[in-house]
Amino acid sequence: MSQISRPYPLALTSEGQRVKIVSLRAGRGLERRLLSMGLTVGSVVEVIARQPGGAIVVGYQDTRIALGAGMAHKIAVMSCEDT
């Protein structure tokens, strides 16, 4: 029987992992900022690097985007294998 996984914060994703954004748990200002960077529900991103303070760098299309730990915690993702 297959295991059903739940969305988890982008901040908990490992380097090299590809994940799909399933929801944005952010206020209007942060949501608008994420959308302007192209990070929308349904986008598939790859974690390029994780910093000790919780910051994360993701690759999306041909762009690298740095996100602070707070922002990364407000983006819910699922592994591409689970979607």
C-alpha atoms as a PDB file:
ATOM      1  CA  MET A   1       0.000   0.000   0.000  1.00  0.00           C
ATOM      2  CA  SER A   2       1.403   3.430  -0.902  1.00  0.00           C
ATOM      3  CA  GLN A   3       2.179   5.923   1.793  1.00  0.00           C
ATOM      4  CA  ILE A   4       0.274   9.196   1.649  1.00  0.00           C
ATOM      5  CA  SER A   5       2.495  12.133   2.440  1.00  0.00           C
ATOM      6  CA  ARG A   6       1.506  15.560   3.645  1.00  0.00           C
ATOM      7  CA  PRO A   7       2.761  18.972   2.584  1.00  0.00           C
ATOM      8  CA  TYR A   8       5.698  20.296   4.589  1.00  0.00           C
ATOM      9  CA  PRO A   9       7.591  23.622   4.706  1.00  0.00           C
ATOM     10  CA  LEU A  10      10.142  24.304   1.970  1.00  0.00           C
ATOM     11  CA  ALA A  11      12.602  25.079   4.782  1.00  0.00           C
ATOM     12  CA  LEU A  12      12.740  21.353   5.643  1.00  0.00           C
ATOM     13  CA  THR A  13      13.684  20.250   2.126  1.00  0.00           C
ATOM     14  CA  SER A  14      17.102  18.689   1.469  1.00  0.00           C
ATOM     15  CA  GLU A  15      19.641  20.040  -1.014  1.00  0.00           C
ATOM     16  CA  GLY A  16      19.153  18.580  -4.477  1.00  0.00           C
ATOM     17  CA  GLN A  17      15.518  17.685  -3.874  1.00  0.00           C
ATOM     18  CA  ARG A  18      12.849  18.721  -6.396  1.00  0.00           C
ATOM     19  CA  VAL A  19       9.531  19.711  -4.863  1.00  0.00           C
ATOM     20  CA  LYS A  20       6.208  21.109  -6.010  1.00  0.00           C
ATOM     21  CA  ILE A  21       4.689  24.147  -4.286  1.00  0.00           C
ATOM     22  CA  VAL A  22       1.212  23.192  -3.049  1.00  0.00           C
ATOM     23  CA  SER A  23       0.284  26.286  -1.013  1.00  0.00           C
ATOM     24  CA  LEU A  24       1.530  29.639   0.208  1.00  0.00           C
ATOM     25  CA  ARG A  25       0.830  30.316   3.870  1.00  0.00           C
ATOM     26  CA  ALA A  26       1.686  33.988   3.701  1.00  0.00           C
ATOM     27  CA  GLY A  27       0.082  37.382   4.101  1.00  0.00           C
ATOM     28  CA  ARG A  28      -0.833  39.432   1.057  1.00  0.00           C
ATOM     29  CA  GLY A  29       2.472  41.289   0.908  1.00  0.00           C
ATOM     30  CA  LEU A  30       4.639  38.176   1.039  1.00  0.00           C
ATOM     31  CA  GLU A  31       2.327  36.286  -1.286  1.00  0.00           C
ATOM     32  CA  ARG A  32       2.541  39.121  -3.822  1.00  0.00           C
ATOM     33  CA  ARG A  33       6.341  39.116  -3.507  1.00  0.00           C
ATOM     34  CA  LEU A  34       6.583  35.350  -4.050  1.00  0.00           C
ATOM     35  CA  LEU A  35       4.234  35.543  -7.031  1.00  0.00           C
ATOM     36  CA  SER A  36       6.327  38.327  -8.576  1.00  0.00           C
ATOM     37  CA  MET A  37       9.361  36.014  -8.363  1.00  0.00           C
ATOM     38  CA  GLY A  38       7.416  33.304 -10.186  1.00  0.00           C
ATOM     39  CA  LEU A  39       6.875  31.076  -7.157  1.00  0.00           C
ATOM     40  CA  THR A  40       3.263  30.048  -7.602  1.00  0.00           C
ATOM     41  CA  VAL A  41       1.219  27.068  -6.518  1.00  0.00           C
ATOM     42  CA  GLY A  42       2.105  24.260  -8.907  1.00  0.00           C
ATOM     43  CA  SER A  43       5.676  25.452  -9.554  1.00  0.00           C
ATOM     44  CA  VAL A  44       8.401  22.816  -9.319  1.00  0.00           C
ATOM     45  CA  VAL A  45      11.619  24.044  -7.698  1.00  0.00           C
ATOM     46  CA  GLU A  46      14.943  22.425  -6.839  1.00  0.00           C
ATOM     47  CA  VAL A  47      16.780  23.208  -3.625  1.00  0.00           C
ATOM     48  CA  ILE A  48      20.246  24.370  -4.659  1.00  0.00           C
ATOM     49  CA  ALA A  49      21.657  25.247  -1.230  1.00  0.00           C
ATOM     50  CA  ARG A  50      20.697  25.501   2.427  1.00  0.00           C
ATOM     51  CA  GLN A  51      22.407  27.938   4.751  1.00  0.00           C
ATOM     52  CA  PRO A  52      23.035  27.301   8.474  1.00  0.00           C
ATOM     53  CA  GLY A  53      20.713  30.165   9.490  1.00  0.00           C
ATOM     54  CA  GLY A  54      17.813  28.594   7.615  1.00  0.00           C
ATOM     55  CA  ALA A  55      18.067  30.565   4.376  1.00  0.00           C
ATOM     56  CA  ILE A  56      17.574  28.528   1.233  1.00  0.00           C
ATOM     57  CA  VAL A  57      18.424  28.952  -2.455  1.00  0.00           C
ATOM     58  CA  VAL A  58      16.069  27.375  -4.969  1.00  0.00           C
ATOM     59  CA  GLY A  59      16.320  26.962  -8.704  1.00  0.00           C
ATOM     60  CA  TYR A  60      13.223  27.729 -10.710  1.00  0.00           C
ATOM     61  CA  GLN A  61      13.338  27.578 -14.508  1.00  0.00           C
ATOM     62  CA  ASP A  62      16.671  29.319 -15.300  1.00  0.00           C
ATOM     63  CA  THR A  63      16.732  31.438 -12.135  1.00  0.00           C
ATOM     64  CA  ARG A  64      18.132  31.032  -8.638  1.00  0.00           C
ATOM     65  CA  ILE A  65      16.093  32.601  -5.871  1.00  0.00           C
ATOM     66  CA  ALA A  66      17.319  33.157  -2.311  1.00  0.00           C
ATOM     67  CA  LEU A  67      14.689  32.948   0.405  1.00  0.00           C
ATOM     68  CA  GLY A  68      15.024  33.723   4.069  1.00  0.00           C
ATOM     69  CA  ALA A  69      14.112  31.102   6.652  1.00  0.00           C
ATOM     70  CA  GLY A  70      10.809  32.807   7.476  1.00  0.00           C
ATOM     71  CA  MET A  71       9.747  32.856   3.835  1.00  0.00           C
ATOM     72  CA  ALA A  72      10.790  29.233   3.310  1.00  0.00           C
ATOM     73  CA  HIS A  73       8.640  28.150   6.267  1.00  0.00           C
ATOM     74  CA  LYS A  74       5.552  29.729   4.695  1.00  0.00           C
ATOM     75  CA  ILE A  75       5.818  27.795   1.434  1.00  0.00           C
ATOM     76  CA  ALA A  76       4.218  24.341   1.651  1.00  0.00           C
ATOM     77  CA  VAL A  77       5.641  21.731  -0.729  1.00  0.00           C
ATOM     78  CA  MET A  78       5.427  18.061  -1.574  1.00  0.00           C
ATOM     79  CA  SER A  79       8.054  15.848  -3.124  1.00  0.00           C
ATOM     80  CA  CYS A  80       7.635  15.528  -6.892  1.00  0.00           C
ATOM     81  CA  GLU A  81       7.440  11.750  -6.455  1.00  0.00           C
ATOM     82  CA  ASP A  82       4.316  12.189  -4.287  1.00  0.00           C
ATOM     83  CA  THR A  83       2.355  14.436  -6.663  1.00  0.00           C
END
